[in-house]
C-alpha atoms as a PDB file:
ATOM      1  CA  MET A   1      40.299  52.371 121.147  1.00  0.00           C
ATOM      2  CA  ALA A   2      41.277  50.521 118.093  1.00  0.00           C
ATOM      3  CA  THR A   3      38.508  48.419 116.558  1.00  0.00           C
ATOM      4  CA  ALA A   4      38.543  45.324 114.299  1.00  0.00           C
ATOM      5  CA  LEU A   5      37.063  45.933 110.978  1.00  0.00           C
ATOM      6  CA  GLY A   6      33.953  43.858 111.524  1.00  0.00           C
ATOM      7  CA  ALA A   7      33.140  45.491 114.801  1.00  0.00           C
ATOM      8  CA  MET A   8      33.733  48.964 113.258  1.00  0.00           C
ATOM      9  CA  LEU A   9      31.374  48.351 110.409  1.00  0.00           C
ATOM     10  CA  LEU A  10      28.667  47.178 112.894  1.00  0.00           C
ATOM     11  CA  THR A  11      29.141  50.355 114.872  1.00  0.00           C
ATOM     12  CA  THR A  12      29.022  52.575 111.972  1.00  0.00           C
ATOM     13  CA  MET A  13      26.034  50.957 110.513  1.00  0.00           C
ATOM     14  CA  LEU A  14      24.164  51.861 113.724  1.00  0.00           C
ATOM     15  CA  GLY A  15      24.066  55.311 112.188  1.00  0.00           C
ATOM     16  CA  THR A  16      20.857  55.744 110.603  1.00  0.00           C
ATOM     17  CA  ALA A  17      19.594  56.381 107.018  1.00  0.00           C
ATOM     18  CA  THR A  18      16.656  58.572 107.945  1.00  0.00           C
ATOM     19  CA  VAL A  19      16.046  61.411 110.305  1.00  0.00           C
ATOM     20  CA  ALA A  20      13.165  59.529 111.907  1.00  0.00           C
ATOM     21  CA  ALA A  21      15.418  56.726 112.897  1.00  0.00           C
ATOM     22  CA  VAL A  22      17.905  59.154 114.406  1.00  0.00           C
ATOM     23  CA  GLU A  23      15.169  60.549 116.522  1.00  0.00           C
ATOM     24  CA  ALA A  24      14.096  57.184 117.621  1.00  0.00           C
ATOM     25  CA  THR A  25      17.444  55.532 118.607  1.00  0.00           C
ATOM     26  CA  ALA A  26      20.430  57.083 120.250  1.00  0.00           C
ATOM     27  CA  SER A  27      23.489  56.054 118.259  1.00  0.00           C
ATOM     28  CA  PRO A  28      27.284  56.235 118.278  1.00  0.00           C
ATOM     29  CA  THR A  29      27.150  58.100 114.990  1.00  0.00           C
ATOM     30  CA  PRO A  30      30.692  59.330 114.143  1.00  0.00           C
ATOM     31  CA  MET A  31      31.035  63.137 114.408  1.00  0.00           C
ATOM     32  CA  VAL A  32      34.388  64.045 112.729  1.00  0.00           C
ATOM     33  CA  LEU A  33      36.702  66.925 112.783  1.00  0.00           C
ATOM     34  CA  GLN A  34      39.307  67.578 110.092  1.00  0.00           C
ATOM     35  CA  ASN A  35      42.780  68.962 110.220  1.00  0.00           C
ATOM     36  CA  VAL A  36      43.005  69.809 113.926  1.00  0.00           C
ATOM     37  CA  PRO A  37      46.635  70.669 114.925  1.00  0.00           C
ATOM     38  CA  LEU A  38      48.381  68.729 117.702  1.00  0.00           C
ATOM     39  CA  GLU A  39      48.528  71.903 119.762  1.00  0.00           C
ATOM     40  CA  ASP A  40      44.748  72.360 119.688  1.00  0.00           C
ATOM     41  CA  LEU A  41      44.166  68.789 120.816  1.00  0.00           C
ATOM     42  CA  GLY A  42      46.546  69.333 123.737  1.00  0.00           C
ATOM     43  CA  THR A  43      44.894  72.581 124.860  1.00  0.00           C
ATOM     44  CA  ASN A  44      41.300  71.349 124.185  1.00  0.00           C
ATOM     45  CA  ARG A  45      40.732  74.457 122.081  1.00  0.00           C
ATOM     46  CA  LEU A  46      36.990  75.508 121.976  1.00  0.00           C
ATOM     47  CA  GLY A  47      36.167  72.457 124.064  1.00  0.00           C
ATOM     48  CA  ILE A  48      36.681  69.940 121.251  1.00  0.00           C
ATOM     49  CA  CYS A  49      37.507  67.124 123.865  1.00  0.00           C
ATOM     50  CA  ASP A  50      34.218  67.330 125.621  1.00  0.00           C
ATOM     51  CA  GLY A  51      32.818  64.145 123.876  1.00  0.00           C
ATOM     52  CA  SER A  52      30.830  65.931 121.126  1.00  0.00           C
ATOM     53  CA  PHE A  53      33.176  64.646 118.471  1.00  0.00           C
ATOM     54  CA  THR A  54      34.416  61.116 118.074  1.00  0.00           C
ATOM     55  CA  HIS A  55      36.974  61.127 115.259  1.00  0.00           C
ATOM     56  CA  VAL A  56      39.578  63.415 113.681  1.00  0.00           C
ATOM     57  CA  ILE A  57      41.090  63.244 110.116  1.00  0.00           C
ATOM     58  CA  LYS A  58      44.701  64.322 110.034  1.00  0.00           C
ATOM     59  CA  ASN A  59      47.535  64.523 107.558  1.00  0.00           C
ATOM     60  CA  SER A  60      50.597  62.902 108.989  1.00  0.00           C
ATOM     61  CA  ALA A  61      53.693  65.138 109.399  1.00  0.00           C
ATOM     62  CA  GLY A  62      56.605  62.786 110.076  1.00  0.00           C
ATOM     63  CA  PRO A  63      57.129  59.663 112.300  1.00  0.00           C
ATOM     64  CA  ASN A  64      57.325  61.564 115.552  1.00  0.00           C
ATOM     65  CA  ASN A  65      54.228  63.518 114.778  1.00  0.00           C
ATOM     66  CA  VAL A  66      51.989  60.625 114.241  1.00  0.00           C
ATOM     67  CA  ARG A  67      52.843  58.994 117.537  1.00  0.00           C
ATOM     68  CA  ASN A  68      52.489  62.355 119.410  1.00  0.00           C
ATOM     69  CA  TYR A  69      49.322  62.976 117.606  1.00  0.00           C
ATOM     70  CA  LEU A  70      47.818  59.670 118.544  1.00  0.00           C
ATOM     71  CA  ASN A  71      48.764  60.173 122.180  1.00  0.00           C
ATOM     72  CA  ALA A  72      47.095  63.550 122.232  1.00  0.00           C
ATOM     73  CA  ALA A  73      43.988  62.335 120.399  1.00  0.00           C
ATOM     74  CA  GLN A  74      43.655  59.498 123.030  1.00  0.00           C
ATOM     75  CA  LYS A  75      43.672  62.063 125.828  1.00  0.00           C
ATOM     76  CA  CYS A  76      41.142  64.214 124.019  1.00  0.00           C
ATOM     77  CA  GLY A  77      38.823  61.170 123.466  1.00  0.00           C
ATOM     78  CA  LEU A  78      39.079  61.081 119.667  1.00  0.00           C
ATOM     79  CA  GLN A  79      39.997  58.354 117.313  1.00  0.00           C
ATOM     80  CA  VAL A  80      42.353  59.323 114.430  1.00  0.00           C
ATOM     81  CA  ILE A  81      41.957  58.719 110.679  1.00  0.00           C
ATOM     82  CA  PHE A  82      45.331  59.289 109.133  1.00  0.00           C
ATOM     83  CA  THR A  83      46.281  60.442 105.635  1.00  0.00           C
ATOM     84  CA  PHE A  84      49.804  59.911 104.538  1.00  0.00           C
ATOM     85  CA  PRO A  85      50.865  62.529 101.983  1.00  0.00           C
ATOM     86  CA  GLU A  86      53.751  60.493 100.984  1.00  0.00           C
ATOM     87  CA  THR A  87      51.511  57.918  99.478  1.00  0.00           C
ATOM     88  CA  VAL A  88      49.710  60.324  97.001  1.00  0.00           C
ATOM     89  CA  ASN A  89      51.105  63.095  94.907  1.00  0.00           C
ATOM     90  CA  TYR A  90      47.986  65.330  94.183  1.00  0.00           C
ATOM     91  CA  THR A  91      49.991  67.592  91.874  1.00  0.00           C
ATOM     92  CA  THR A  92      50.796  64.817  89.392  1.00  0.00           C
ATOM     93  CA  GLY A  93      47.891  62.444  90.234  1.00  0.00           C
ATOM     94  CA  SER A  94      50.318  59.595  91.151  1.00  0.00           C
ATOM     95  CA  VAL A  95      49.991  57.045  93.931  1.00  0.00           C
ATOM     96  CA  PHE A  96      52.692  55.091  95.789  1.00  0.00           C
ATOM     97  CA  PRO A  97      51.289  51.898  97.250  1.00  0.00           C
ATOM     98  CA  SER A  98      54.800  50.680  98.115  1.00  0.00           C
ATOM     99  CA  ARG A  99      55.128  53.478 100.714  1.00  0.00           C
ATOM    100  CA  VAL A 100      52.007  52.551 102.607  1.00  0.00           C
ATOM    101  CA  ALA A 101      53.351  49.802 104.771  1.00  0.00           C
ATOM    102  CA  TYR A 102      55.990  51.976 106.349  1.00  0.00           C
ATOM    103  CA  TRP A 103      53.476  54.477 107.658  1.00  0.00           C
ATOM    104  CA  VAL A 104      50.911  52.021 108.664  1.00  0.00           C
ATOM    105  CA  ASP A 105      53.537  50.093 110.755  1.00  0.00           C
ATOM    106  CA  LEU A 106      54.077  53.315 112.759  1.00  0.00           C
ATOM    107  CA  VAL A 107      50.549  53.705 113.910  1.00  0.00           C
ATOM    108  CA  LYS A 108      48.512  50.452 113.586  1.00  0.00           C
ATOM    109  CA  ALA A 109      49.153  49.234 117.118  1.00  0.00           C
ATOM    110  CA  HIS A 110      48.018  52.473 118.784  1.00  0.00           C
ATOM    111  CA  PRO A 111      44.603  52.276 120.575  1.00  0.00           C
ATOM    112  CA  ALA A 112      43.556  55.732 119.273  1.00  0.00           C
ATOM    113  CA  LEU A 113      43.965  54.750 115.615  1.00  0.00           C
ATOM    114  CA  PHE A 114      40.486  54.310 113.836  1.00  0.00           C
ATOM    115  CA  GLY A 115      41.667  53.876 110.249  1.00  0.00           C
ATOM    116  CA  TYR A 116      43.234  55.512 107.135  1.00  0.00           C
ATOM    117  CA  LEU A 117      42.019  57.843 104.492  1.00  0.00           C
ATOM    118  CA  SER A 118      43.648  56.735 101.284  1.00  0.00           C
ATOM    119  CA  VAL A 119      42.634  59.417  98.832  1.00  0.00           C
ATOM    120  CA  LYS A 120      40.812  62.767  98.726  1.00  0.00           C
ATOM    121  CA  GLU A 121      38.705  63.908  95.776  1.00  0.00           C
ATOM    122  CA  PRO A 122      40.340  61.709  93.245  1.00  0.00           C
ATOM    123  CA  SER A 123      38.359  62.988  90.300  1.00  0.00           C
ATOM    124  CA  TRP A 124      39.970  66.553  90.678  1.00  0.00           C
ATOM    125  CA  HIS A 125      43.457  65.141  90.684  1.00  0.00           C
ATOM    126  CA  GLY A 126      43.285  62.615  87.912  1.00  0.00           C
ATOM    127  CA  ILE A 127      43.604  59.529  90.184  1.00  0.00           C
ATOM    128  CA  SER A 128      42.022  56.479  88.574  1.00  0.00           C
ATOM    129  CA  ALA A 129      39.816  53.705  89.972  1.00  0.00           C
ATOM    130  CA  GLY A 130      42.710  51.323  89.527  1.00  0.00           C
ATOM    131  CA  GLU A 131      45.020  53.577  91.477  1.00  0.00           C
ATOM    132  CA  ILE A 132      42.614  53.900  94.347  1.00  0.00           C
ATOM    133  CA  ARG A 133      42.283  50.051  94.391  1.00  0.00           C
ATOM    134  CA  SER A 134      46.030  49.692  94.475  1.00  0.00           C
ATOM    135  CA  LEU A 135      46.209  51.951  97.605  1.00  0.00           C
ATOM    136  CA  TYR A 136      43.373  50.137  99.260  1.00  0.00           C
ATOM    137  CA  SER A 137      44.938  46.766  98.774  1.00  0.00           C
ATOM    138  CA  ALA A 138      48.318  48.203 100.113  1.00  0.00           C
ATOM    139  CA  PHE A 139      46.578  49.424 103.226  1.00  0.00           C
ATOM    140  CA  ARG A 140      44.527  46.189 103.809  1.00  0.00           C
ATOM    141  CA  ALA A 141      47.682  44.083 103.346  1.00  0.00           C
ATOM    142  CA  ALA A 142      49.607  46.272 105.845  1.00  0.00           C
ATOM    143  CA  ASP A 143      46.803  46.312 108.432  1.00  0.00           C
ATOM    144  CA  PRO A 144      43.707  44.074 107.992  1.00  0.00           C
ATOM    145  CA  SER A 145      42.209  45.292 111.333  1.00  0.00           C
ATOM    146  CA  HIS A 146      41.498  48.987 110.602  1.00  0.00           C
ATOM    147  CA  PRO A 147      39.220  50.433 107.895  1.00  0.00           C
ATOM    148  CA  VAL A 148      40.179  52.300 104.855  1.00  0.00           C
ATOM    149  CA  LEU A 149      38.269  55.449 103.852  1.00  0.00           C
ATOM    150  CA  ALA A 150      38.145  57.323 100.559  1.00  0.00           C
ATOM    151  CA  LEU A 151      36.806  60.882 100.193  1.00  0.00           C
ATOM    152  CA  PHE A 152      34.928  61.560  96.964  1.00  0.00           C
ATOM    153  CA  GLY A 153      33.888  65.000  95.685  1.00  0.00           C
ATOM    154  CA  ASP A 154      32.200  66.222  92.556  1.00  0.00           C
ATOM    155  CA  THR A 155      28.899  64.771  93.725  1.00  0.00           C
ATOM    156  CA  PRO A 156      26.918  65.675  90.382  1.00  0.00           C
ATOM    157  CA  ASN A 157      29.315  63.284  88.562  1.00  0.00           C
ATOM    158  CA  PHE A 158      29.672  60.578  91.188  1.00  0.00           C
ATOM    159  CA  ASN A 159      30.399  57.197  89.314  1.00  0.00           C
ATOM    160  CA  GLN A 160      30.870  58.914  85.968  1.00  0.00           C
ATOM    161  CA  PRO A 161      34.099  58.605  84.037  1.00  0.00           C
ATOM    162  CA  GLY A 162      36.906  59.851  86.060  1.00  0.00           C
ATOM    163  CA  ASN A 163      34.951  59.589  89.243  1.00  0.00           C
ATOM    164  CA  THR A 164      34.108  55.968  89.328  1.00  0.00           C
ATOM    165  CA  TRP A 165      32.939  54.159  92.540  1.00  0.00           C
ATOM    166  CA  GLY A 166      33.033  50.382  92.857  1.00  0.00           C
ATOM    167  CA  THR A 167      34.459  47.327  94.817  1.00  0.00           C
ATOM    168  CA  GLY A 168      37.894  47.246  96.264  1.00  0.00           C
ATOM    169  CA  MET A 169      38.173  50.977  96.851  1.00  0.00           C
ATOM    170  CA  ALA A 170      37.332  51.587 100.547  1.00  0.00           C
ATOM    171  CA  ASP A 171      35.527  50.177 103.501  1.00  0.00           C
ATOM    172  CA  ILE A 172      33.830  53.538 104.203  1.00  0.00           C
ATOM    173  CA  LEU A 173      32.950  56.145 101.591  1.00  0.00           C
ATOM    174  CA  VAL A 174      33.070  59.871 102.562  1.00  0.00           C
ATOM    175  CA  VAL A 175      31.404  62.274 100.370  1.00  0.00           C
ATOM    176  CA  ASP A 176      32.124  65.997 100.549  1.00  0.00           C
ATOM    177  CA  TRP A 177      29.437  68.484  99.752  1.00  0.00           C
ATOM    178  CA  TYR A 178      29.648  72.251  99.981  1.00  0.00           C
ATOM    179  CA  PRO A 179      26.192  73.651  98.972  1.00  0.00           C
ATOM    180  CA  VAL A 180      26.256  77.008 100.666  1.00  0.00           C
ATOM    181  CA  GLU A 181      26.960  79.603  97.776  1.00  0.00           C
ATOM    182  CA  THR A 182      26.188  82.942  96.321  1.00  0.00           C
ATOM    183  CA  ALA A 183      25.407  83.662  92.738  1.00  0.00           C
ATOM    184  CA  SER A 184      27.477  85.604  90.204  1.00  0.00           C
ATOM    185  CA  GLY A 185      30.769  83.988  91.215  1.00  0.00           C
ATOM    186  CA  GLY A 186      30.176  85.001  94.721  1.00  0.00           C
ATOM    187  CA  CYS A 187      29.743  88.675  93.979  1.00  0.00           C
ATOM    188  CA  SER A 188      25.990  88.639  94.471  1.00  0.00           C
ATOM    189  CA  THR A 189      24.564  91.067  96.912  1.00  0.00           C
ATOM    190  CA  SER A 190      21.323  89.141  97.168  1.00  0.00           C
ATOM    191  CA  GLY A 191      22.409  86.872  99.956  1.00  0.00           C
ATOM    192  CA  THR A 192      23.509  83.332 100.459  1.00  0.00           C
ATOM    193  CA  SER A 193      21.658  80.339  98.841  1.00  0.00           C
ATOM    194  CA  TYR A 194      21.658  76.615  99.170  1.00  0.00           C
ATOM    195  CA  VAL A 195      22.310  74.578  96.110  1.00  0.00           C
ATOM    196  CA  ALA A 196      19.053  72.952  95.477  1.00  0.00           C
ATOM    197  CA  THR A 197      20.455  69.949  93.414  1.00  0.00           C
ATOM    198  CA  GLY A 198      22.386  68.516  96.382  1.00  0.00           C
ATOM    199  CA  PRO A 199      19.683  66.213  97.808  1.00  0.00           C
ATOM    200  CA  ARG A 200      19.047  64.635  94.385  1.00  0.00           C
ATOM    201  CA  ASN A 201      22.827  64.071  93.971  1.00  0.00           C
ATOM    202  CA  LEU A 202      23.079  62.521  97.478  1.00  0.00           C
ATOM    203  CA  ALA A 203      20.147  60.237  96.819  1.00  0.00           C
ATOM    204  CA  ASN A 204      21.822  59.191  93.602  1.00  0.00           C
ATOM    205  CA  ILE A 205      24.975  58.319  95.370  1.00  0.00           C
ATOM    206  CA  LYS A 206      23.103  56.314  97.918  1.00  0.00           C
ATOM    207  CA  THR A 207      21.548  54.207  95.125  1.00  0.00           C
ATOM    208  CA  ILE A 208      24.864  53.629  93.367  1.00  0.00           C
ATOM    209  CA  VAL A 209      26.631  52.592  96.501  1.00  0.00           C
ATOM    210  CA  ALA A 210      23.723  50.253  97.463  1.00  0.00           C
ATOM    211  CA  ARG A 211      23.899  48.678  94.045  1.00  0.00           C
ATOM    212  CA  LYS A 212      27.732  48.400  93.569  1.00  0.00           C
ATOM    213  CA  THR A 213      28.921  47.912  97.027  1.00  0.00           C
ATOM    214  CA  PRO A 214      25.903  47.032  99.350  1.00  0.00           C
ATOM    215  CA  GLY A 215      26.464  47.600 103.056  1.00  0.00           C
ATOM    216  CA  THR A 216      29.287  50.108 102.581  1.00  0.00           C
ATOM    217  CA  PRO A 217      28.822  52.909 105.146  1.00  0.00           C
ATOM    218  CA  THR A 218      28.750  56.406 103.834  1.00  0.00           C
ATOM    219  CA  TRP A 219      29.683  59.547 105.736  1.00  0.00           C
ATOM    220  CA  LEU A 220      28.891  63.091 104.687  1.00  0.00           C
ATOM    221  CA  MET A 221      31.426  65.967 104.971  1.00  0.00           C
ATOM    222  CA  ALA A 222      29.414  69.138 105.539  1.00  0.00           C
ATOM    223  CA  GLN A 223      30.629  72.697 104.755  1.00  0.00           C
ATOM    224  CA  THR A 224      31.419  75.049 107.663  1.00  0.00           C
ATOM    225  CA  HIS A 225      33.973  77.337 105.893  1.00  0.00           C
ATOM    226  CA  LYS A 226      34.190  80.524 103.766  1.00  0.00           C
ATOM    227  CA  ASN A 227      36.668  80.590 100.956  1.00  0.00           C
ATOM    228  CA  LEU A 228      39.181  83.452 100.750  1.00  0.00           C
ATOM    229  CA  ALA A 229      40.131  83.955  97.116  1.00  0.00           C
ATOM    230  CA  PRO A 230      39.158  85.369  94.707  1.00  0.00           C
ATOM    231  CA  SER A 231      37.691  88.377  96.481  1.00  0.00           C
ATOM    232  CA  CYS A 232      34.248  87.232  95.438  1.00  0.00           C
ATOM    233  CA  HIS A 233      34.135  83.481  96.097  1.00  0.00           C
ATOM    234  CA  LYS A 234      30.908  81.525  95.730  1.00  0.00           C
ATOM    235  CA  LYS A 235      31.609  79.286  98.871  1.00  0.00           C
ATOM    236  CA  GLN A 236      30.029  80.939 101.989  1.00  0.00           C
ATOM    237  CA  ARG A 237      29.837  80.297 105.611  1.00  0.00           C
ATOM    238  CA  PRO A 238      26.569  78.686 106.434  1.00  0.00           C
ATOM    239  CA  THR A 239      24.179  79.992 109.035  1.00  0.00           C
ATOM    240  CA  GLU A 240      23.054  77.539 111.809  1.00  0.00           C
ATOM    241  CA  ALA A 241      20.024  76.717 109.869  1.00  0.00           C
ATOM    242  CA  LEU A 242      21.907  75.914 106.678  1.00  0.00           C
ATOM    243  CA  LEU A 243      24.482  73.773 108.663  1.00  0.00           C
ATOM    244  CA  ARG A 244      21.561  71.855 110.160  1.00  0.00           C
ATOM    245  CA  ARG A 245      20.057  71.439 106.705  1.00  0.00           C
ATOM    246  CA  GLN A 246      23.177  69.925 105.356  1.00  0.00           C
ATOM    247  CA  VAL A 247      23.336  67.387 108.185  1.00  0.00           C
ATOM    248  CA  ARG A 248      19.617  66.613 107.882  1.00  0.00           C
ATOM    249  CA  ASP A 249      19.952  66.107 104.040  1.00  0.00           C
ATOM    250  CA  GLY A 250      22.914  63.869 104.664  1.00  0.00           C
ATOM    251  CA  PHE A 251      20.938  61.525 106.873  1.00  0.00           C
ATOM    252  CA  THR A 252      17.831  61.730 104.787  1.00  0.00           C
ATOM    253  CA  TYR A 253      19.080  61.457 101.208  1.00  0.00           C
ATOM    254  CA  LEU A 254      22.621  59.942 101.430  1.00  0.00           C
ATOM    255  CA  GLY A 255      21.725  57.599 104.257  1.00  0.00           C
ATOM    256  CA  ALA A 256      24.769  58.859 106.016  1.00  0.00           C
ATOM    257  CA  THR A 257      26.117  56.945 109.090  1.00  0.00           C
ATOM    258  CA  GLY A 258      28.637  59.520 110.036  1.00  0.00           C
ATOM    259  CA  MET A 259      29.086  63.267 109.748  1.00  0.00           C
ATOM    260  CA  ALA A 260      32.272  65.187 109.201  1.00  0.00           C
ATOM    261  CA  PHE A 261      32.753  68.960 109.359  1.00  0.00           C
ATOM    262  CA  HIS A 262      35.127  70.873 106.946  1.00  0.00           C
ATOM    263  CA  THR A 263      37.389  72.250 108.133  1.00  0.00           C
ATOM    264  CA  TRP A 264      39.019  73.053 111.427  1.00  0.00           C
ATOM    265  CA  MET A 265      41.962  75.021 110.057  1.00  0.00           C
ATOM    266  CA  ASN A 266      42.953  76.256 106.677  1.00  0.00           C
ATOM    267  CA  THR A 267      44.608  79.621 106.153  1.00  0.00           C
ATOM    268  CA  ASN A 268      43.488  79.500 102.522  1.00  0.00           C
ATOM    269  CA  TYR A 269      39.972  80.279 103.686  1.00  0.00           C
ATOM    270  CA  ALA A 270      38.494  83.534 104.939  1.00  0.00           C
ATOM    271  CA  MET A 271      36.920  81.551 107.900  1.00  0.00           C
ATOM    272  CA  ASP A 272      37.460  78.171 109.404  1.00  0.00           C
ATOM    273  CA  GLU A 273      36.173  76.496 112.526  1.00  0.00           C
ATOM    274  CA  ARG A 274      39.333  77.399 114.648  1.00  0.00           C
ATOM    275  CA  ARG A 275      38.501  81.093 114.084  1.00  0.00           C
ATOM    276  CA  ASP A 276      34.754  80.609 114.397  1.00  0.00           C
ATOM    277  CA  PRO A 277      33.714  79.587 117.974  1.00  0.00           C
ATOM    278  CA  THR A 278      30.014  80.062 117.078  1.00  0.00           C
ATOM    279  CA  MET A 279      30.257  77.469 114.291  1.00  0.00           C
ATOM    280  CA  VAL A 280      31.868  75.049 116.693  1.00  0.00           C
ATOM    281  CA  SER A 281      29.000  75.545 119.200  1.00  0.00           C
ATOM    282  CA  TRP A 282      26.540  74.823 116.499  1.00  0.00           C
ATOM    283  CA  MET A 283      28.434  71.657 115.457  1.00  0.00           C
ATOM    284  CA  LYS A 284      28.546  70.604 119.189  1.00  0.00           C
ATOM    285  CA  SER A 285      24.788  71.175 119.531  1.00  0.00           C
ATOM    286  CA  ILE A 286      24.054  68.991 116.450  1.00  0.00           C
ATOM    287  CA  ALA A 287      26.416  66.195 117.643  1.00  0.00           C
ATOM    288  CA  ALA A 288      24.729  66.241 121.069  1.00  0.00           C
ATOM    289  CA  GLU A 289      21.330  65.967 119.494  1.00  0.00           C
ATOM    290  CA  VAL A 290      22.376  63.171 117.094  1.00  0.00           C
ATOM    291  CA  HIS A 291      24.001  61.235 119.801  1.00  0.00           C
ATOM    292  CA  GLY A 292      20.940  61.818 122.141  1.00  0.00           C
ATOM    293  CA  GLY A 293      18.486  60.757 119.471  1.00  0.00           C
ATOM    294  CA  THR A 294      16.728  64.069 119.258  1.00  0.00           C
ATOM    295  CA  PHE A 295      18.129  65.498 115.942  1.00  0.00           C
ATOM    296  CA  ASN A 296      15.313  66.398 113.691  1.00  0.00           C
END
């Protein structure tokens, strides 16, 4: 159901900053899918409507689509975080705050709406802090009752020039982090490794958020995919142990209060969750343990 911003922030803050706390207290920690098609919600593909997952991030695809998607998500037991492609041009790095209200008005009264994702990985697309703030202001003006999220990448350079974080940008910060790689541009035959600098970067983000925007919930987006091109690509599909390590490090070092999994469907990848039932089963197991207070 739709939640007022204050109640939402209270709920998300029930997610814990340490693994020990997760073990001690069962919590409604958000477990988030990304880019699930309407068809897959309707058919409950791979059992995603079984209660393991709580939210889904989805690009809008027209006025009729957003209404149909919200209805399907409601039946599936998921709350929707919408992104509106018409409000950001990632090719040119341009934002269009004046277009926000139209899309918000289409969805803001639906009980399955959780909130809005205003921008994705702004540093890679030349979107400035001022532009992010302008989008945030437009979303809050159009709908004061639902939270605005922003997805930041380039974790080693978080809060550096071109990737600045600060007040007036989002109510929830989502950090994407894809640490499962191979060496030599992905052509190594020595196996898959885990980027060792990740926990340090996550801890740095936690410190910066606490200093600049204290109390802002932070979610981690964990890697589940394998990239397709070039033929040797460093981004690799994690094992169950590596997936669990990402989630554990997110709770421990980032202080994450929510966990997203990247990505359900993307044909530019050699493997995504939709084509990988085993990965989804691991995600479900992790979600059940987190919600049951037994993840460690």
